Amino acid sequence: LPEMTPKYAAMYNVIDSFDTHANIPAHFANVDAASRAAG
């Protein structure tokens, strides 16, 4: 998911179940950048 979610967020509306609590802030930032750029 750290690789897949940002990659596909640049193309689609995406849902994931990322559950590594300590890494959620960084994962959120990566997905946010990709999904905002794609609308």
PDB file of all heavy atoms in Angstrom:
ATOM      1  N   LEU A   1       0.790  -1.228   0.000  1.00  0.00           N
ATOM      2  CA  LEU A   1       0.000   0.000   0.000  1.00  0.00           C
ATOM      3  C   LEU A   1       0.830   1.290   0.000  1.00  0.00           C
ATOM      4  O   LEU A   1       0.414   2.276  -0.634  1.00  0.00           O
ATOM      5  CB  LEU A   1      -0.980  -0.005   1.174  1.00  0.00           C
ATOM      6  CG  LEU A   1      -2.044  -1.113   1.105  1.00  0.00           C
ATOM      7  CD1 LEU A   1      -2.926  -1.096   2.351  1.00  0.00           C
ATOM      8  CD2 LEU A   1      -2.912  -0.976  -0.150  1.00  0.00           C
ATOM      9  N   PRO A   2       1.984   1.350   0.680  1.00  0.00           N
ATOM     10  CA  PRO A   2       2.763   2.584   0.608  1.00  0.00           C
ATOM     11  C   PRO A   2       3.125   2.974  -0.824  1.00  0.00           C
ATOM     12  O   PRO A   2       3.264   4.165  -1.131  1.00  0.00           O
ATOM     13  CB  PRO A   2       4.021   2.255   1.426  1.00  0.00           C
ATOM     14  CG  PRO A   2       3.563   1.239   2.407  1.00  0.00           C
ATOM     15  CD  PRO A   2       2.570   0.390   1.635  1.00  0.00           C
ATOM     16  N   GLU A   3       3.259   1.986  -1.692  1.00  0.00           N
ATOM     17  CA  GLU A   3       3.562   2.259  -3.097  1.00  0.00           C
ATOM     18  C   GLU A   3       2.288   2.336  -3.941  1.00  0.00           C
ATOM     19  O   GLU A   3       2.123   3.240  -4.767  1.00  0.00           O
ATOM     20  CB  GLU A   3       4.465   1.150  -3.648  1.00  0.00           C
ATOM     21  CG  GLU A   3       4.772   1.283  -5.133  1.00  0.00           C
ATOM     22  CD  GLU A   3       5.567   0.110  -5.676  1.00  0.00           C
ATOM     23  OE1 GLU A   3       6.291  -0.517  -4.888  1.00  0.00           O
ATOM     24  OE2 GLU A   3       5.437  -0.182  -6.881  1.00  0.00           O
ATOM     25  N   MET A   4       1.365   1.401  -3.725  1.00  0.00           N
ATOM     26  CA  MET A   4       0.182   1.291  -4.574  1.00  0.00           C
ATOM     27  C   MET A   4      -0.773   2.468  -4.419  1.00  0.00           C
ATOM     28  O   MET A   4      -1.288   2.993  -5.416  1.00  0.00           O
ATOM     29  CB  MET A   4      -0.568  -0.010  -4.261  1.00  0.00           C
ATOM     30  CG  MET A   4       0.137  -1.270  -4.695  1.00  0.00           C
ATOM     31  SD  MET A   4      -0.650  -2.771  -4.013  1.00  0.00           S
ATOM     32  CE  MET A   4      -2.312  -2.615  -4.664  1.00  0.00           C
ATOM     33  N   THR A   5      -1.052   2.867  -3.190  1.00  0.00           N
ATOM     34  CA  THR A   5      -2.106   3.867  -2.993  1.00  0.00           C
ATOM     35  C   THR A   5      -1.759   5.208  -3.636  1.00  0.00           C
ATOM     36  O   THR A   5      -2.574   5.752  -4.388  1.00  0.00           O
ATOM     37  CB  THR A   5      -2.438   4.024  -1.498  1.00  0.00           C
ATOM     38  OG1 THR A   5      -2.677   2.736  -0.922  1.00  0.00           O
ATOM     39  CG2 THR A   5      -3.697   4.867  -1.331  1.00  0.00           C
ATOM     40  N   PRO A   6      -0.570   5.776  -3.401  1.00  0.00           N
ATOM     41  CA  PRO A   6      -0.253   7.026  -4.115  1.00  0.00           C
ATOM     42  C   PRO A   6      -0.234   6.856  -5.639  1.00  0.00           C
ATOM     43  O   PRO A   6      -0.678   7.752  -6.370  1.00  0.00           O
ATOM     44  CB  PRO A   6       1.140   7.392  -3.585  1.00  0.00           C
ATOM     45  CG  PRO A   6       1.273   6.678  -2.294  1.00  0.00           C
ATOM     46  CD  PRO A   6       0.489   5.403  -2.455  1.00  0.00           C
ATOM     47  N   LYS A   7       0.269   5.703  -6.095  1.00  0.00           N
ATOM     48  CA  LYS A   7       0.333   5.468  -7.546  1.00  0.00           C
ATOM     49  C   LYS A   7      -1.056   5.512  -8.172  1.00  0.00           C
ATOM     50  O   LYS A   7      -1.277   6.214  -9.176  1.00  0.00           O
ATOM     51  CB  LYS A   7       0.990   4.113  -7.814  1.00  0.00           C
ATOM     52  CG  LYS A   7       1.012   3.713  -9.291  1.00  0.00           C
ATOM     53  CD  LYS A   7       1.662   2.347  -9.477  1.00  0.00           C
ATOM     54  CE  LYS A   7       1.645   1.936 -10.949  1.00  0.00           C
ATOM     55  NZ  LYS A   7       2.304   0.601 -11.153  1.00  0.00           N
ATOM     56  N   TYR A   8      -2.003   4.785  -7.587  1.00  0.00           N
ATOM     57  CA  TYR A   8      -3.334   4.717  -8.191  1.00  0.00           C
ATOM     58  C   TYR A   8      -4.209   5.904  -7.811  1.00  0.00           C
ATOM     59  O   TYR A   8      -5.183   6.201  -8.513  1.00  0.00           O
ATOM     60  CB  TYR A   8      -3.994   3.387  -7.833  1.00  0.00           C
ATOM     61  CG  TYR A   8      -3.254   2.200  -8.417  1.00  0.00           C
ATOM     62  CD1 TYR A   8      -2.810   1.153  -7.610  1.00  0.00           C
ATOM     63  CD2 TYR A   8      -2.953   2.148  -9.778  1.00  0.00           C
ATOM     64  CE1 TYR A   8      -2.104   0.086  -8.139  1.00  0.00           C
ATOM     65  CE2 TYR A   8      -2.253   1.089 -10.324  1.00  0.00           C
ATOM     66  CZ  TYR A   8      -1.829   0.061  -9.505  1.00  0.00           C
ATOM     67  OH  TYR A   8      -1.126  -0.990 -10.048  1.00  0.00           O
ATOM     68  N   ALA A   9      -3.862   6.613  -6.739  1.00  0.00           N
ATOM     69  CA  ALA A   9      -4.588   7.838  -6.387  1.00  0.00           C
ATOM     70  C   ALA A   9      -4.372   8.925  -7.437  1.00  0.00           C
ATOM     71  O   ALA A   9      -5.164   9.870  -7.531  1.00  0.00           O
ATOM     72  CB  ALA A   9      -4.143   8.347  -5.018  1.00  0.00           C
ATOM     73  N   ALA A  10      -3.317   8.798  -8.224  1.00  0.00           N
ATOM     74  CA  ALA A  10      -3.065   9.747  -9.310  1.00  0.00           C
ATOM     75  C   ALA A  10      -3.963   9.479 -10.515  1.00  0.00           C
ATOM     76  O   ALA A  10      -3.976  10.273 -11.465  1.00  0.00           O
ATOM     77  CB  ALA A  10      -1.598   9.677  -9.729  1.00  0.00           C
ATOM     78  N   MET A  11      -4.730   8.375 -10.467  1.00  0.00           N
ATOM     79  CA  MET A  11      -5.600   8.014 -11.584  1.00  0.00           C
ATOM     80  C   MET A  11      -7.060   7.825 -11.184  1.00  0.00           C
ATOM     81  O   MET A  11      -7.962   8.044 -11.990  1.00  0.00           O
ATOM     82  CB  MET A  11      -5.094   6.704 -12.222  1.00  0.00           C
ATOM     83  CG  MET A  11      -3.723   6.785 -12.843  1.00  0.00           C
ATOM     84  SD  MET A  11      -3.246   5.192 -13.605  1.00  0.00           S
ATOM     85  CE  MET A  11      -2.340   4.441 -12.248  1.00  0.00           C
ATOM     86  N   TYR A  12      -7.299   7.365  -9.950  1.00  0.00           N
ATOM     87  CA  TYR A  12      -8.637   6.945  -9.529  1.00  0.00           C
ATOM     88  C   TYR A  12      -8.975   7.496  -8.141  1.00  0.00           C
ATOM     89  O   TYR A  12      -8.081   7.848  -7.363  1.00  0.00           O
ATOM     90  CB  TYR A  12      -8.699   5.405  -9.415  1.00  0.00           C
ATOM     91  CG  TYR A  12      -8.528   4.644 -10.696  1.00  0.00           C
ATOM     92  CD1 TYR A  12      -7.265   4.214 -11.113  1.00  0.00           C
ATOM     93  CD2 TYR A  12      -9.625   4.307 -11.485  1.00  0.00           C
ATOM     94  CE1 TYR A  12      -7.105   3.488 -12.280  1.00  0.00           C
ATOM     95  CE2 TYR A  12      -9.477   3.575 -12.650  1.00  0.00           C
ATOM     96  CZ  TYR A  12      -8.212   3.166 -13.055  1.00  0.00           C
ATOM     97  OH  TYR A  12      -8.063   2.439 -14.205  1.00  0.00           O
ATOM     98  N   ASN A  13     -10.269   7.512  -7.814  1.00  0.00           N
ATOM     99  CA  ASN A  13     -10.675   7.545  -6.418  1.00  0.00           C
ATOM    100  C   ASN A  13     -10.274   6.199  -5.817  1.00  0.00           C
ATOM    101  O   ASN A  13     -10.583   5.152  -6.388  1.00  0.00           O
ATOM    102  CB  ASN A  13     -12.192   7.724  -6.285  1.00  0.00           C
ATOM    103  CG  ASN A  13     -12.673   9.048  -6.829  1.00  0.00           C
ATOM    104  OD1 ASN A  13     -12.114  10.102  -6.544  1.00  0.00           O
ATOM    105  ND2 ASN A  13     -13.728   8.997  -7.644  1.00  0.00           N
ATOM    106  N   VAL A  14      -9.583   6.221  -4.670  1.00  0.00           N
ATOM    107  CA  VAL A  14      -9.063   4.968  -4.116  1.00  0.00           C
ATOM    108  C   VAL A  14      -9.452   4.819  -2.646  1.00  0.00           C
ATOM    109  O   VAL A  14      -9.668   5.790  -1.931  1.00  0.00           O
ATOM    110  CB  VAL A  14      -7.521   4.862  -4.250  1.00  0.00           C
ATOM    111  CG1 VAL A  14      -7.111   4.817  -5.708  1.00  0.00           C
ATOM    112  CG2 VAL A  14      -6.824   5.996  -3.511  1.00  0.00           C
ATOM    113  N   ILE A  15      -9.501   3.539  -2.215  1.00  0.00           N
ATOM    114  CA  ILE A  15      -9.750   3.166  -0.824  1.00  0.00           C
ATOM    115  C   ILE A  15      -8.663   2.180  -0.433  1.00  0.00           C
ATOM    116  O   ILE A  15      -8.355   1.262  -1.193  1.00  0.00           O
ATOM    117  CB  ILE A  15     -11.127   2.470  -0.660  1.00  0.00           C
ATOM    118  CG1 ILE A  15     -12.250   3.316  -1.254  1.00  0.00           C
ATOM    119  CG2 ILE A  15     -11.391   2.142   0.808  1.00  0.00           C
ATOM    120  CD1 ILE A  15     -12.479   4.627  -0.579  1.00  0.00           C
ATOM    121  N   ASP A  16      -8.081   2.350   0.773  1.00  0.00           N
ATOM    122  CA  ASP A  16      -7.189   1.302   1.261  1.00  0.00           C
ATOM    123  C   ASP A  16      -7.423   1.045   2.747  1.00  0.00           C
ATOM    124  O   ASP A  16      -8.175   1.768   3.410  1.00  0.00           O
ATOM    125  CB  ASP A  16      -5.716   1.605   0.937  1.00  0.00           C
ATOM    126  CG  ASP A  16      -5.019   2.588   1.882  1.00  0.00           C
ATOM    127  OD1 ASP A  16      -5.538   2.861   2.989  1.00  0.00           O
ATOM    128  OD2 ASP A  16      -3.940   3.094   1.514  1.00  0.00           O
ATOM    129  N   SER A  17      -6.769  -0.005   3.253  1.00  0.00           N
ATOM    130  CA  SER A  17      -6.898  -0.384   4.667  1.00  0.00           C
ATOM    131  C   SER A  17      -5.535  -0.332   5.352  1.00  0.00           C
ATOM    132  O   SER A  17      -5.222  -1.172   6.190  1.00  0.00           O
ATOM    133  CB  SER A  17      -7.514  -1.777   4.806  1.00  0.00           C
ATOM    134  OG  SER A  17      -6.709  -2.743   4.140  1.00  0.00           O
ATOM    135  N   PHE A  18      -4.722   0.653   5.001  1.00  0.00           N
ATOM    136  CA  PHE A  18      -3.379   0.799   5.568  1.00  0.00           C
ATOM    137  C   PHE A  18      -3.467   0.842   7.090  1.00  0.00           C
ATOM    138  O   PHE A  18      -4.175   1.674   7.658  1.00  0.00           O
ATOM    139  CB  PHE A  18      -2.735   2.082   5.051  1.00  0.00           C
ATOM    140  CG  PHE A  18      -1.311   2.283   5.494  1.00  0.00           C
ATOM    141  CD1 PHE A  18      -0.281   1.597   4.866  1.00  0.00           C
ATOM    142  CD2 PHE A  18      -1.003   3.139   6.535  1.00  0.00           C
ATOM    143  CE1 PHE A  18       1.036   1.772   5.266  1.00  0.00           C
ATOM    144  CE2 PHE A  18       0.306   3.322   6.943  1.00  0.00           C
ATOM    145  CZ  PHE A  18       1.330   2.646   6.309  1.00  0.00           C
ATOM    146  N   ASP A  19      -2.760  -0.081   7.778  1.00  0.00           N
ATOM    147  CA  ASP A  19      -2.971  -0.210   9.217  1.00  0.00           C
ATOM    148  C   ASP A  19      -1.701  -0.137  10.051  1.00  0.00           C
ATOM    149  O   ASP A  19      -1.701  -0.528  11.224  1.00  0.00           O
ATOM    150  CB  ASP A  19      -3.738  -1.497   9.542  1.00  0.00           C
ATOM    151  CG  ASP A  19      -2.957  -2.762   9.210  1.00  0.00           C
ATOM    152  OD1 ASP A  19      -1.815  -2.645   8.696  1.00  0.00           O
ATOM    153  OD2 ASP A  19      -3.482  -3.860   9.461  1.00  0.00           O
ATOM    154  N   THR A  20      -0.619   0.382   9.487  1.00  0.00           N
ATOM    155  CA  THR A  20       0.583   0.620  10.281  1.00  0.00           C
ATOM    156  C   THR A  20       0.426   1.991  10.939  1.00  0.00           C
ATOM    157  O   THR A  20       0.746   3.026  10.343  1.00  0.00           O
ATOM    158  CB  THR A  20       1.849   0.559   9.415  1.00  0.00           C
ATOM    159  OG1 THR A  20       1.867  -0.664   8.677  1.00  0.00           O
ATOM    160  CG2 THR A  20       3.098   0.651  10.279  1.00  0.00           C
ATOM    161  N   HIS A  21      -0.075   2.000  12.167  1.00  0.00           N
ATOM    162  CA  HIS A  21      -0.499   3.250  12.814  1.00  0.00           C
ATOM    163  C   HIS A  21       0.591   4.319  12.792  1.00  0.00           C
ATOM    164  O   HIS A  21       0.317   5.485  12.487  1.00  0.00           O
ATOM    165  CB  HIS A  21      -0.924   2.970  14.262  1.00  0.00           C
ATOM    166  CG  HIS A  21      -2.211   2.220  14.375  1.00  0.00           C
ATOM    167  ND1 HIS A  21      -3.419   2.840  14.645  1.00  0.00           N
ATOM    168  CD2 HIS A  21      -2.489   0.905  14.259  1.00  0.00           C
ATOM    169  CE1 HIS A  21      -4.376   1.932  14.692  1.00  0.00           C
ATOM    170  NE2 HIS A  21      -3.834   0.749  14.454  1.00  0.00           N
ATOM    171  N   ALA A  22       1.831   3.945  13.102  1.00  0.00           N
ATOM    172  CA  ALA A  22       2.902   4.929  13.215  1.00  0.00           C
ATOM    173  C   ALA A  22       3.214   5.604  11.881  1.00  0.00           C
ATOM    174  O   ALA A  22       3.724   6.737  11.863  1.00  0.00           O
ATOM    175  CB  ALA A  22       4.165   4.258  13.756  1.00  0.00           C
ATOM    176  N   ASN A  23       2.900   4.953  10.777  1.00  0.00           N
ATOM    177  CA  ASN A  23       3.242   5.500   9.458  1.00  0.00           C
ATOM    178  C   ASN A  23       2.059   6.155   8.748  1.00  0.00           C
ATOM    179  O   ASN A  23       2.183   6.574   7.596  1.00  0.00           O
ATOM    180  CB  ASN A  23       3.808   4.392   8.575  1.00  0.00           C
ATOM    181  CG  ASN A  23       5.114   3.840   9.105  1.00  0.00           C
ATOM    182  OD1 ASN A  23       5.807   4.500   9.873  1.00  0.00           O
ATOM    183  ND2 ASN A  23       5.459   2.625   8.707  1.00  0.00           N
ATOM    184  N   ILE A  24       0.921   6.255   9.416  1.00  0.00           N
ATOM    185  CA  ILE A  24      -0.258   6.857   8.779  1.00  0.00           C
ATOM    186  C   ILE A  24      -0.015   8.306   8.358  1.00  0.00           C
ATOM    187  O   ILE A  24      -0.396   8.695   7.239  1.00  0.00           O
ATOM    188  CB  ILE A  24      -1.498   6.720   9.681  1.00  0.00           C
ATOM    189  CG1 ILE A  24      -2.001   5.267   9.659  1.00  0.00           C
ATOM    190  CG2 ILE A  24      -2.612   7.668   9.239  1.00  0.00           C
ATOM    191  CD1 ILE A  24      -3.164   4.992  10.604  1.00  0.00           C
ATOM    192  N   PRO A  25       0.598   9.171   9.175  1.00  0.00           N
ATOM    193  CA  PRO A  25       0.800  10.560   8.722  1.00  0.00           C
ATOM    194  C   PRO A  25       1.573  10.667   7.413  1.00  0.00           C
ATOM    195  O   PRO A  25       1.197  11.445   6.519  1.00  0.00           O
ATOM    196  CB  PRO A  25       1.558  11.197   9.888  1.00  0.00           C
ATOM    197  CG  PRO A  25       1.107  10.432  11.092  1.00  0.00           C
ATOM    198  CD  PRO A  25       0.986   9.009  10.604  1.00  0.00           C
ATOM    199  N   ALA A  26       2.656   9.900   7.271  1.00  0.00           N
ATOM    200  CA  ALA A  26       3.446   9.956   6.041  1.00  0.00           C
ATOM    201  C   ALA A  26       2.662   9.388   4.863  1.00  0.00           C
ATOM    202  O   ALA A  26       2.709   9.937   3.745  1.00  0.00           O
ATOM    203  CB  ALA A  26       4.756   9.177   6.229  1.00  0.00           C
ATOM    204  N   HIS A  27       1.940   8.286   5.089  1.00  0.00           N
ATOM    205  CA  HIS A  27       1.124   7.684   4.026  1.00  0.00           C
ATOM    206  C   HIS A  27       0.033   8.664   3.589  1.00  0.00           C
ATOM    207  O   HIS A  27      -0.203   8.843   2.385  1.00  0.00           O
ATOM    208  CB  HIS A  27       0.508   6.382   4.543  1.00  0.00           C
ATOM    209  CG  HIS A  27      -0.254   5.605   3.517  1.00  0.00           C
ATOM    210  ND1 HIS A  27       0.312   5.131   2.357  1.00  0.00           N
ATOM    211  CD2 HIS A  27      -1.575   5.221   3.486  1.00  0.00           C
ATOM    212  CE1 HIS A  27      -0.599   4.480   1.647  1.00  0.00           C
ATOM    213  NE2 HIS A  27      -1.747   4.524   2.319  1.00  0.00           N
ATOM    214  N   PHE A  28      -0.598   9.309   4.539  1.00  0.00           N
ATOM    215  CA  PHE A  28      -1.638  10.296   4.229  1.00  0.00           C
ATOM    216  C   PHE A  28      -1.069  11.402   3.343  1.00  0.00           C
ATOM    217  O   PHE A  28      -1.686  11.789   2.340  1.00  0.00           O
ATOM    218  CB  PHE A  28      -2.193  10.890   5.529  1.00  0.00           C
ATOM    219  CG  PHE A  28      -3.303  11.884   5.330  1.00  0.00           C
ATOM    220  CD1 PHE A  28      -4.630  11.480   5.391  1.00  0.00           C
ATOM    221  CD2 PHE A  28      -3.035  13.225   5.079  1.00  0.00           C
ATOM    222  CE1 PHE A  28      -5.664  12.393   5.207  1.00  0.00           C
ATOM    223  CE2 PHE A  28      -4.058  14.139   4.890  1.00  0.00           C
ATOM    224  CZ  PHE A  28      -5.382  13.717   4.963  1.00  0.00           C
ATOM    225  N   ALA A  29       0.106  11.925   3.691  1.00  0.00           N
ATOM    226  CA  ALA A  29       0.703  13.015   2.920  1.00  0.00           C
ATOM    227  C   ALA A  29       0.992  12.591   1.485  1.00  0.00           C
ATOM    228  O   ALA A  29       0.750  13.354   0.534  1.00  0.00           O
ATOM    229  CB  ALA A  29       1.987  13.488   3.605  1.00  0.00           C
ATOM    230  N   ASN A  30       1.487  11.366   1.300  1.00  0.00           N
ATOM    231  CA  ASN A  30       1.794  10.881  -0.049  1.00  0.00           C
ATOM    232  C   ASN A  30       0.530  10.728  -0.884  1.00  0.00           C
ATOM    233  O   ASN A  30       0.499  11.095  -2.068  1.00  0.00           O
ATOM    234  CB  ASN A  30       2.526   9.539   0.033  1.00  0.00           C
ATOM    235  CG  ASN A  30       3.912   9.674   0.621  1.00  0.00           C
ATOM    236  OD1 ASN A  30       4.522  10.739   0.571  1.00  0.00           O
ATOM    237  ND2 ASN A  30       4.431   8.591   1.189  1.00  0.00           N
ATOM    238  N   VAL A  31      -0.513  10.176  -0.290  1.00  0.00           N
ATOM    239  CA  VAL A  31      -1.773   9.987  -1.013  1.00  0.00           C
ATOM    240  C   VAL A  31      -2.439  11.333  -1.279  1.00  0.00           C
ATOM    241  O   VAL A  31      -3.022  11.557  -2.347  1.00  0.00           O
ATOM    242  CB  VAL A  31      -2.716   9.052  -0.226  1.00  0.00           C
ATOM    243  CG1 VAL A  31      -4.060   8.920  -0.935  1.00  0.00           C
ATOM    244  CG2 VAL A  31      -2.074   7.679  -0.063  1.00  0.00           C
ATOM    245  N   ASP A  32      -2.343  12.243  -0.326  1.00  0.00           N
ATOM    246  CA  ASP A  32      -2.960  13.563  -0.487  1.00  0.00           C
ATOM    247  C   ASP A  32      -2.373  14.310  -1.670  1.00  0.00           C
ATOM    248  O   ASP A  32      -3.103  14.898  -2.478  1.00  0.00           O
ATOM    249  CB  ASP A  32      -2.769  14.368   0.803  1.00  0.00           C
ATOM    250  CG  ASP A  32      -3.604  15.635   0.831  1.00  0.00           C
ATOM    251  OD1 ASP A  32      -4.840  15.534   0.614  1.00  0.00           O
ATOM    252  OD2 ASP A  32      -3.051  16.722   1.060  1.00  0.00           O
ATOM    253  N   ALA A  33      -1.058  14.279  -1.806  1.00  0.00           N
ATOM    254  CA  ALA A  33      -0.414  14.975  -2.921  1.00  0.00           C
ATOM    255  C   ALA A  33      -0.867  14.409  -4.259  1.00  0.00           C
ATOM    256  O   ALA A  33      -1.188  15.156  -5.198  1.00  0.00           O
ATOM    257  CB  ALA A  33       1.104  14.879  -2.781  1.00  0.00           C
ATOM    258  N   ALA A  34      -0.905  13.078  -4.350  1.00  0.00           N
ATOM    259  CA  ALA A  34      -1.287  12.434  -5.616  1.00  0.00           C
ATOM    260  C   ALA A  34      -2.746  12.660  -5.951  1.00  0.00           C
ATOM    261  O   ALA A  34      -3.104  12.988  -7.101  1.00  0.00           O
ATOM    262  CB  ALA A  34      -0.995  10.937  -5.537  1.00  0.00           C
ATOM    263  N   SER A  35      -3.631  12.509  -4.979  1.00  0.00           N
ATOM    264  CA  SER A  35      -5.064  12.615  -5.259  1.00  0.00           C
ATOM    265  C   SER A  35      -5.489  14.061  -5.516  1.00  0.00           C
ATOM    266  O   SER A  35      -6.365  14.310  -6.346  1.00  0.00           O
ATOM    267  CB  SER A  35      -5.879  11.989  -4.120  1.00  0.00           C
ATOM    268  OG  SER A  35      -5.549  12.572  -2.880  1.00  0.00           O
ATOM    269  N   ARG A  36      -4.880  15.012  -4.832  1.00  0.00           N
ATOM    270  CA  ARG A  36      -5.216  16.413  -5.100  1.00  0.00           C
ATOM    271  C   ARG A  36      -4.803  16.825  -6.505  1.00  0.00           C
ATOM    272  O   ARG A  36      -5.533  17.526  -7.204  1.00  0.00           O
ATOM    273  CB  ARG A  36      -4.549  17.329  -4.069  1.00  0.00           C
ATOM    274  CG  ARG A  36      -5.217  17.306  -2.717  1.00  0.00           C
ATOM    275  CD  ARG A  36      -4.709  18.406  -1.788  1.00  0.00           C
ATOM    276  NE  ARG A  36      -5.281  18.230  -0.460  1.00  0.00           N
ATOM    277  CZ  ARG A  36      -6.502  18.626  -0.118  1.00  0.00           C
ATOM    278  NH1 ARG A  36      -7.275  19.236  -1.009  1.00  0.00           N
ATOM    279  NH2 ARG A  36      -6.961  18.420   1.095  1.00  0.00           N
ATOM    280  N   ALA A  37      -3.627  16.379  -6.927  1.00  0.00           N
ATOM    281  CA  ALA A  37      -3.162  16.708  -8.278  1.00  0.00           C
ATOM    282  C   ALA A  37      -4.082  16.127  -9.341  1.00  0.00           C
ATOM    283  O   ALA A  37      -4.264  16.709 -10.418  1.00  0.00           O
ATOM    284  CB  ALA A  37      -1.743  16.192  -8.470  1.00  0.00           C
ATOM    285  N   ALA A  38      -4.697  14.971  -9.020  1.00  0.00           N
ATOM    286  CA  ALA A  38      -5.583  14.305  -9.987  1.00  0.00           C
ATOM    287  C   ALA A  38      -7.040  14.728  -9.840  1.00  0.00           C
ATOM    288  O   ALA A  38      -7.875  14.341 -10.668  1.00  0.00           O
ATOM    289  CB  ALA A  38      -5.478  12.794  -9.802  1.00  0.00           C
ATOM    290  N   GLY A  39      -7.366  15.492  -8.797  1.00  0.00           N
ATOM    291  CA  GLY A  39      -8.763  15.844  -8.544  1.00  0.00           C
ATOM    292  C   GLY A  39      -9.592  14.669  -8.057  1.00  0.00           C
ATOM    293  O   GLY A  39     -10.803  14.604  -8.276  1.00  0.00           O
TER     294      GLY A  39
END
